[in-house]
Amino acid sequence: AVELESIKQMSSLNVALYKKVELLERAMAKCEKISANADKAAFYRDTIIPAMDEVRRASDELEKICPENVWPIPTYAELLFNV
């Protein structure tokens, strides 16, 4: 039962992460069409950075429960001490 619940939780978080990444990718594609630097900066502030925060939150939650040996994204420790 514990394993099944873990799988359900990971699956749910994986779907959430996938959707958040899709939203971020769409926002970035929209941003590429903005030519004025001030407008682009405002779009980053108002849209891109919040979307990145959402991706990070979903990823952080998934990282907490995903086994380290299958986690595909570098952890903070790996980024800090192995670069």
Protein backbone atom coordinates (compact mmCIF):
# COMPACT_ATOMS: atom_id res chain seq x y z
CA ALA A 1 0.00 0.00 0.00
CA VAL A 2 2.86 2.39 0.81
CA GLU A 3 4.53 1.78 -2.54
CA LEU A 4 1.25 2.29 -4.40
CA GLU A 5 0.61 5.56 -2.59
CA SER A 6 4.15 6.74 -3.41
CA ILE A 7 3.63 5.90 -7.07
CA LYS A 8 0.33 7.79 -7.12
CA GLN A 9 1.92 10.81 -5.46
CA MET A 10 4.91 10.80 -7.82
CA SER A 11 2.63 10.41 -10.82
CA SER A 12 0.47 13.32 -9.71
CA LEU A 13 3.47 15.54 -9.09
CA ASN A 14 4.99 14.50 -12.41
CA VAL A 15 1.82 15.55 -14.25
CA ALA A 16 1.82 18.86 -12.38
CA LEU A 17 5.48 19.46 -13.25
CA TYR A 18 4.85 18.62 -16.91
CA LYS A 19 1.97 21.11 -17.06
CA LYS A 20 4.02 23.83 -15.36
CA VAL A 21 6.88 23.31 -17.83
CA GLU A 22 4.42 23.51 -20.73
CA LEU A 23 3.09 26.83 -19.42
CA LEU A 24 6.62 28.16 -19.03
CA GLU A 25 7.55 27.08 -22.56
CA ARG A 26 4.45 28.78 -24.00
CA ALA A 27 5.24 31.96 -22.06
CA MET A 28 8.83 31.93 -23.33
CA ALA A 29 7.63 31.47 -26.91
CA LYS A 30 5.29 34.43 -26.44
CA CYS A 31 8.13 36.49 -24.98
CA GLU A 32 10.30 35.89 -28.05
CA LYS A 33 7.76 37.87 -30.08
CA ILE A 34 8.13 40.97 -27.90
CA SER A 35 10.61 43.37 -29.46
CA ALA A 36 10.70 46.32 -27.06
CA ASN A 37 13.20 45.71 -24.27
CA ALA A 38 11.08 47.42 -21.60
CA ASP A 39 8.04 45.34 -22.56
CA LYS A 40 10.14 42.18 -22.61
CA ALA A 41 11.57 42.96 -19.16
CA ALA A 42 8.07 43.53 -17.78
CA PHE A 43 6.90 40.26 -19.33
CA TYR A 44 9.79 38.44 -17.68
CA ARG A 45 8.97 40.05 -14.34
CA ASP A 46 5.22 39.44 -14.54
CA THR A 47 5.04 36.11 -16.40
CA ILE A 48 8.31 34.23 -16.91
CA ILE A 49 9.73 34.47 -13.40
CA PRO A 50 6.45 33.45 -11.71
CA ALA A 51 6.17 30.52 -14.16
CA MET A 52 9.74 29.51 -13.32
CA ASP A 53 8.86 29.65 -9.62
CA GLU A 54 5.92 27.32 -10.24
CA VAL A 55 8.17 24.85 -12.08
CA ARG A 56 10.64 24.98 -9.23
CA ARG A 57 7.96 24.38 -6.58
CA ALA A 58 6.61 21.34 -8.44
CA SER A 59 10.13 20.03 -9.02
CA ASP A 60 11.11 20.53 -5.38
CA GLU A 61 8.08 18.55 -4.20
CA LEU A 62 8.83 15.72 -6.59
CA GLU A 63 12.51 15.71 -5.63
CA LYS A 64 11.57 15.16 -1.97
CA ILE A 65 9.97 11.79 -2.70
CA CYS A 66 11.79 10.56 -5.79
CA PRO A 67 14.69 8.16 -5.24
CA GLU A 68 18.02 9.91 -5.76
CA ASN A 69 19.34 7.29 -8.20
CA VAL A 70 16.56 8.05 -10.72
CA TRP A 71 16.26 11.82 -10.21
CA PRO A 72 17.16 13.36 -13.61
CA ILE A 73 17.77 16.93 -12.45
CA PRO A 74 20.93 18.00 -10.57
CA THR A 75 20.25 18.59 -6.89
CA TYR A 76 21.27 21.79 -5.13
CA ALA A 77 24.16 19.95 -3.47
CA GLU A 78 25.38 18.70 -6.85
CA LEU A 79 25.16 22.19 -8.31
CA LEU A 80 26.98 23.75 -5.38
CA PHE A 81 29.74 21.21 -4.85
CA ASN A 82 30.27 19.49 -8.20
CA VAL A 83 30.46 22.36 -10.66
